[in-house]
PDB file of N, CA and C in Angstrom:
ATOM      1  N   MET A   1     -44.183  61.201   8.901  1.00  0.00           N
ATOM      2  CA  MET A   1     -43.280  60.660   8.265  1.00  0.00           C
ATOM      3  C   MET A   1     -42.251  59.517   9.069  1.00  0.00           C
ATOM      4  N   GLY A   2     -41.744  58.390   8.319  1.00  0.00           N
ATOM      5  CA  GLY A   2     -41.008  57.862   8.680  1.00  0.00           C
ATOM      6  C   GLY A   2     -39.673  57.965   8.355  1.00  0.00           C
ATOM      7  N   LYS A   3     -38.683  57.680   9.258  1.00  0.00           N
ATOM      8  CA  LYS A   3     -37.426  57.351   9.470  1.00  0.00           C
ATOM      9  C   LYS A   3     -37.137  56.820   8.320  1.00  0.00           C
ATOM     10  N   ARG A   4     -35.497  56.590   7.813  1.00  0.00           N
ATOM     11  CA  ARG A   4     -35.383  56.473   6.345  1.00  0.00           C
ATOM     12  C   ARG A   4     -34.176  54.843   7.148  1.00  0.00           C
ATOM     13  N   MET A   5     -34.783  53.739   6.015  1.00  0.00           N
ATOM     14  CA  MET A   5     -34.351  52.104   6.942  1.00  0.00           C
ATOM     15  C   MET A   5     -32.742  52.337   6.288  1.00  0.00           C
ATOM     16  N   LEU A   6     -32.295  52.846   5.307  1.00  0.00           N
ATOM     17  CA  LEU A   6     -31.072  52.777   4.678  1.00  0.00           C
ATOM     18  C   LEU A   6     -30.531  54.371   5.641  1.00  0.00           C
ATOM     19  N   PRO A   7     -29.231  54.161   5.730  1.00  0.00           N
ATOM     20  CA  PRO A   7     -27.981  54.800   6.267  1.00  0.00           C
ATOM     21  C   PRO A   7     -27.497  55.484   4.526  1.00  0.00           C
ATOM     22  N   LYS A   8     -26.972  56.823   5.415  1.00  0.00           N
ATOM     23  CA  LYS A   8     -26.679  57.539   4.118  1.00  0.00           C
ATOM     24  C   LYS A   8     -24.374  56.294   4.116  1.00  0.00           C
ATOM     25  N   PRO A   9     -25.081  56.512   2.158  1.00  0.00           N
ATOM     26  CA  PRO A   9     -23.200  55.551   2.604  1.00  0.00           C
ATOM     27  C   PRO A   9     -21.968  56.452   3.324  1.00  0.00           C
ATOM     28  N   LYS A  10     -21.076  56.161   3.224  1.00  0.00           N
ATOM     29  CA  LYS A  10     -19.680  56.426   3.508  1.00  0.00           C
ATOM     30  C   LYS A  10     -18.653  57.286   2.515  1.00  0.00           C
ATOM     31  N   PRO A  11     -18.242  58.009   2.904  1.00  0.00           N
ATOM     32  CA  PRO A  11     -17.736  58.324   1.696  1.00  0.00           C
ATOM     33  C   PRO A  11     -16.093  57.808   1.783  1.00  0.00           C
ATOM     34  N   PRO A  12     -15.474  57.555  -0.133  1.00  0.00           N
ATOM     35  CA  PRO A  12     -14.505  56.656   0.284  1.00  0.00           C
ATOM     36  C   PRO A  12     -13.296  57.129   0.883  1.00  0.00           C
ATOM     37  N   TRP A  13     -12.613  57.851   1.423  1.00  0.00           N
ATOM     38  CA  TRP A  13     -12.084  58.564   2.347  1.00  0.00           C
ATOM     39  C   TRP A  13     -11.854  57.828   3.931  1.00  0.00           C
ATOM     40  N   TRP A  14     -13.429  57.870   4.221  1.00  0.00           N
ATOM     41  CA  TRP A  14     -13.909  56.581   5.496  1.00  0.00           C
ATOM     42  C   TRP A  14     -13.498  55.297   5.221  1.00  0.00           C
ATOM     43  N   LYS A  15     -14.069  54.725   4.013  1.00  0.00           N
ATOM     44  CA  LYS A  15     -13.439  53.124   3.683  1.00  0.00           C
ATOM     45  C   LYS A  15     -12.189  52.525   4.179  1.00  0.00           C
ATOM     46  N   LYS A  16     -11.233  53.916   3.393  1.00  0.00           N
ATOM     47  CA  LYS A  16      -9.914  53.534   2.999  1.00  0.00           C
ATOM     48  C   LYS A  16      -9.134  53.875   4.560  1.00  0.00           C
ATOM     49  N   CYS A  17      -9.931  54.739   5.443  1.00  0.00           N
ATOM     50  CA  CYS A  17      -9.216  55.275   7.147  1.00  0.00           C
ATOM     51  C   CYS A  17      -9.210  53.703   7.514  1.00  0.00           C
ATOM     52  N   ARG A  18     -10.708  53.248   7.866  1.00  0.00           N
ATOM     53  CA  ARG A  18     -11.285  51.814   8.220  1.00  0.00           C
ATOM     54  C   ARG A  18     -10.201  51.143   7.752  1.00  0.00           C
ATOM     55  N   CYS A  19      -9.919  50.818   6.469  1.00  0.00           N
ATOM     56  CA  CYS A  19      -8.985  49.598   6.617  1.00  0.00           C
ATOM     57  C   CYS A  19      -8.003  49.474   6.766  1.00  0.00           C
ATOM     58  N   TYR A  20      -7.600  50.991   6.700  1.00  0.00           N
ATOM     59  CA  TYR A  20      -5.996  51.469   7.398  1.00  0.00           C
ATOM     60  C   TYR A  20      -6.010  50.630   8.844  1.00  0.00           C
ATOM     61  N   LEU A  21      -6.515  51.157   9.212  1.00  0.00           N
ATOM     62  CA  LEU A  21      -7.234  50.842  11.033  1.00  0.00           C
ATOM     63  C   LEU A  21      -7.694  49.205  11.042  1.00  0.00           C
ATOM     64  N   GLN A  22      -8.226  48.794  10.533  1.00  0.00           N
ATOM     65  CA  GLN A  22      -7.968  47.438  10.687  1.00  0.00           C
ATOM     66  C   GLN A  22      -6.995  46.471  11.137  1.00  0.00           C
ATOM     67  N   THR A  23      -5.789  47.048  10.470  1.00  0.00           N
ATOM     68  CA  THR A  23      -4.835  46.243   9.196  1.00  0.00           C
ATOM     69  C   THR A  23      -3.891  46.684  11.102  1.00  0.00           C
ATOM     70  N   ILE A  24      -3.633  47.329  11.248  1.00  0.00           N
ATOM     71  CA  ILE A  24      -3.037  47.884  12.210  1.00  0.00           C
ATOM     72  C   ILE A  24      -3.216  47.911  14.029  1.00  0.00           C
ATOM     73  N   ILE A  25      -4.540  47.315  14.034  1.00  0.00           N
ATOM     74  CA  ILE A  25      -5.106  47.818  15.301  1.00  0.00           C
ATOM     75  C   ILE A  25      -4.913  46.199  16.164  1.00  0.00           C
ATOM     76  N   ILE A  26      -4.283  45.260  15.237  1.00  0.00           N
ATOM     77  CA  ILE A  26      -4.353  43.998  16.314  1.00  0.00           C
ATOM     78  C   ILE A  26      -3.295  43.805  16.716  1.00  0.00           C
ATOM     79  N   PRO A  27      -2.282  43.984  15.448  1.00  0.00           N
ATOM     80  CA  PRO A  27       0.018  44.479  16.078  1.00  0.00           C
ATOM     81  C   PRO A  27      -0.531  45.138  17.661  1.00  0.00           C
ATOM     82  N   ILE A  28      -1.638  46.384  17.527  1.00  0.00           N
ATOM     83  CA  ILE A  28      -0.759  47.109  18.553  1.00  0.00           C
ATOM     84  C   ILE A  28      -1.547  46.748  19.634  1.00  0.00           C
ATOM     85  N   CYS A  29      -3.154  46.077  19.668  1.00  0.00           N
ATOM     86  CA  CYS A  29      -3.299  45.222  20.912  1.00  0.00           C
ATOM     87  C   CYS A  29      -2.277  44.170  21.682  1.00  0.00           C
ATOM     88  N   ILE A  30      -1.588  43.660  20.217  1.00  0.00           N
ATOM     89  CA  ILE A  30      -0.701  42.672  20.902  1.00  0.00           C
ATOM     90  C   ILE A  30       0.075  42.588  21.826  1.00  0.00           C
ATOM     91  N   PHE A  31       0.972  44.404  21.193  1.00  0.00           N
ATOM     92  CA  PHE A  31       2.110  44.958  21.566  1.00  0.00           C
ATOM     93  C   PHE A  31       1.508  45.312  23.070  1.00  0.00           C
ATOM     94  N   GLN A  32       0.426  46.152  23.350  1.00  0.00           N
ATOM     95  CA  GLN A  32      -0.252  46.219  24.560  1.00  0.00           C
ATOM     96  C   GLN A  32      -0.989  45.208  25.282  1.00  0.00           C
ATOM     97  N   ALA A  33      -0.932  43.919  25.445  1.00  0.00           N
ATOM     98  CA  ALA A  33      -0.409  42.892  26.222  1.00  0.00           C
ATOM     99  C   ALA A  33       0.207  42.314  26.176  1.00  0.00           C
ATOM    100  N   ILE A  34       1.409  42.356  25.746  1.00  0.00           N
ATOM    101  CA  ILE A  34       2.971  42.236  25.958  1.00  0.00           C
ATOM    102  C   ILE A  34       3.571  42.926  26.922  1.00  0.00           C
ATOM    103  N   LEU A  35       2.836  44.281  27.151  1.00  0.00           N
ATOM    104  CA  LEU A  35       3.716  45.294  27.577  1.00  0.00           C
ATOM    105  C   LEU A  35       2.442  45.325  28.779  1.00  0.00           C
ATOM    106  N   LEU A  36       1.163  45.109  28.760  1.00  0.00           N
ATOM    107  CA  LEU A  36       0.798  44.890  30.164  1.00  0.00           C
ATOM    108  C   LEU A  36       0.906  43.077  30.544  1.00  0.00           C
ATOM    109  N   LEU A  37       1.130  42.580  30.161  1.00  0.00           N
ATOM    110  CA  LEU A  37       2.236  41.156  31.242  1.00  0.00           C
ATOM    111  C   LEU A  37       3.991  41.727  31.572  1.00  0.00           C
ATOM    112  N   LEU A  38       4.237  42.460  31.349  1.00  0.00           N
ATOM    113  CA  LEU A  38       5.272  42.729  31.666  1.00  0.00           C
ATOM    114  C   LEU A  38       5.670  43.875  33.027  1.00  0.00           C
ATOM    115  N   ILE A  39       4.845  44.621  32.339  1.00  0.00           N
ATOM    116  CA  ILE A  39       4.535  46.182  33.545  1.00  0.00           C
ATOM    117  C   ILE A  39       3.514  46.122  33.768  1.00  0.00           C
ATOM    118  N   PRO A  40       2.404  45.438  34.401  1.00  0.00           N
ATOM    119  CA  PRO A  40       1.161  46.031  35.164  1.00  0.00           C
ATOM    120  C   PRO A  40       0.685  47.474  34.921  1.00  0.00           C
ATOM    121  N   SER A  41      -0.032  48.094  35.250  1.00  0.00           N
ATOM    122  CA  SER A  41      -0.880  48.792  35.704  1.00  0.00           C
ATOM    123  C   SER A  41      -2.159  49.163  35.554  1.00  0.00           C
ATOM    124  N   THR A  42      -2.648  49.822  35.940  1.00  0.00           N
ATOM    125  CA  THR A  42      -4.095  50.060  35.481  1.00  0.00           C
ATOM    126  C   THR A  42      -4.710  51.210  33.975  1.00  0.00           C
ATOM    127  N   ILE A  43      -3.567  51.942  33.855  1.00  0.00           N
ATOM    128  CA  ILE A  43      -4.011  52.514  32.372  1.00  0.00           C
ATOM    129  C   ILE A  43      -3.477  51.851  31.259  1.00  0.00           C
ATOM    130  N   ASP A  44      -2.573  50.684  31.620  1.00  0.00           N
ATOM    131  CA  ASP A  44      -2.626  49.760  30.635  1.00  0.00           C
ATOM    132  C   ASP A  44      -3.887  48.827  30.264  1.00  0.00           C
ATOM    133  N   VAL A  45      -4.152  48.185  31.608  1.00  0.00           N
ATOM    134  CA  VAL A  45      -5.529  47.590  31.637  1.00  0.00           C
ATOM    135  C   VAL A  45      -6.772  48.358  30.592  1.00  0.00           C
ATOM    136  N   LEU A  46      -6.241  50.237  31.490  1.00  0.00           N
ATOM    137  CA  LEU A  46      -8.078  51.029  30.799  1.00  0.00           C
ATOM    138  C   LEU A  46      -7.569  51.026  28.797  1.00  0.00           C
ATOM    139  N   ILE A  47      -6.333  50.894  28.089  1.00  0.00           N
ATOM    140  CA  ILE A  47      -5.659  51.435  27.144  1.00  0.00           C
ATOM    141  C   ILE A  47      -6.178  49.758  26.232  1.00  0.00           C
ATOM    142  N   LEU A  48      -5.986  48.692  26.790  1.00  0.00           N
ATOM    143  CA  LEU A  48      -6.072  47.336  25.932  1.00  0.00           C
ATOM    144  C   LEU A  48      -8.150  47.808  26.038  1.00  0.00           C
ATOM    145  N   GLY A  49      -7.896  47.469  27.087  1.00  0.00           N
ATOM    146  CA  GLY A  49     -10.010  47.338  26.926  1.00  0.00           C
ATOM    147  C   GLY A  49     -10.363  48.182  25.966  1.00  0.00           C
ATOM    148  N   ILE A  50      -9.713  49.777  25.792  1.00  0.00           N
ATOM    149  CA  ILE A  50      -9.915  50.654  24.584  1.00  0.00           C
ATOM    150  C   ILE A  50      -9.687  50.260  22.951  1.00  0.00           C
ATOM    151  N   LEU A  51      -8.112  49.431  23.075  1.00  0.00           N
ATOM    152  CA  LEU A  51      -7.563  49.021  21.856  1.00  0.00           C
ATOM    153  C   LEU A  51      -9.167  47.493  21.086  1.00  0.00           C
ATOM    154  N   ILE A  52      -9.293  47.231  22.141  1.00  0.00           N
ATOM    155  CA  ILE A  52      -9.796  45.637  21.759  1.00  0.00           C
ATOM    156  C   ILE A  52     -11.626  46.096  21.954  1.00  0.00           C
ATOM    157  N   GLY A  53     -12.181  47.073  22.681  1.00  0.00           N
ATOM    158  CA  GLY A  53     -13.190  47.907  22.094  1.00  0.00           C
ATOM    159  C   GLY A  53     -13.329  48.631  20.522  1.00  0.00           C
ATOM    160  N   ILE A  54     -12.276  49.052  20.060  1.00  0.00           N
ATOM    161  CA  ILE A  54     -12.103  49.557  18.568  1.00  0.00           C
ATOM    162  C   ILE A  54     -12.273  48.385  17.778  1.00  0.00           C
ATOM    163  N   ALA A  55     -11.445  47.633  18.083  1.00  0.00           N
ATOM    164  CA  ALA A  55     -11.124  46.289  16.765  1.00  0.00           C
ATOM    165  C   ALA A  55     -12.160  45.356  16.665  1.00  0.00           C
ATOM    166  N   CYS A  56     -13.104  45.542  17.853  1.00  0.00           N
ATOM    167  CA  CYS A  56     -14.523  44.806  17.709  1.00  0.00           C
ATOM    168  C   CYS A  56     -15.539  45.652  17.229  1.00  0.00           C
ATOM    169  N   VAL A  57     -15.334  46.628  17.037  1.00  0.00           N
ATOM    170  CA  VAL A  57     -16.037  47.836  16.196  1.00  0.00           C
ATOM    171  C   VAL A  57     -15.760  47.773  14.914  1.00  0.00           C
ATOM    172  N   LEU A  58     -14.611  47.763  14.721  1.00  0.00           N
ATOM    173  CA  LEU A  58     -13.986  47.363  13.071  1.00  0.00           C
ATOM    174  C   LEU A  58     -14.554  46.285  12.954  1.00  0.00           C
ATOM    175  N   HIS A  59     -13.865  45.058  13.628  1.00  0.00           N
ATOM    176  CA  HIS A  59     -14.614  43.813  12.724  1.00  0.00           C
ATOM    177  C   HIS A  59     -15.416  43.332  12.182  1.00  0.00           C
ATOM    178  N   PHE A  60     -16.600  43.901  13.104  1.00  0.00           N
ATOM    179  CA  PHE A  60     -18.344  43.058  13.072  1.00  0.00           C
ATOM    180  C   PHE A  60     -18.539  44.497  11.648  1.00  0.00           C
ATOM    181  N   GLU A  61     -17.672  45.373  11.689  1.00  0.00           N
ATOM    182  CA  GLU A  61     -18.352  46.702  10.589  1.00  0.00           C
ATOM    183  C   GLU A  61     -19.497  47.535  11.656  1.00  0.00           C
ATOM    184  N   TRP A  62     -19.688  48.005  13.143  1.00  0.00           N
ATOM    185  CA  TRP A  62     -20.181  48.684  13.410  1.00  0.00           C
ATOM    186  C   TRP A  62     -20.438  49.946  12.933  1.00  0.00           C
ATOM    187  N   ILE A  63     -19.420  50.536  12.501  1.00  0.00           N
ATOM    188  CA  ILE A  63     -19.662  52.125  11.943  1.00  0.00           C
ATOM    189  C   ILE A  63     -18.835  51.840  10.897  1.00  0.00           C
TER     190      ILE A  63
END
């Protein structure tokens, strides 16, 4: 028997949470980029990379 091709539907609270994250992730990325330009450090680069990754995942709806 093959796998189901249609994924299970997401619960309503997940859709609401994802919507809130989409609205706040870009300003947080911009703030982190400005902080990185003013006071560069390795941790800031890692945090900005993770935030950009989360923003891409939310934008392309991979989750």
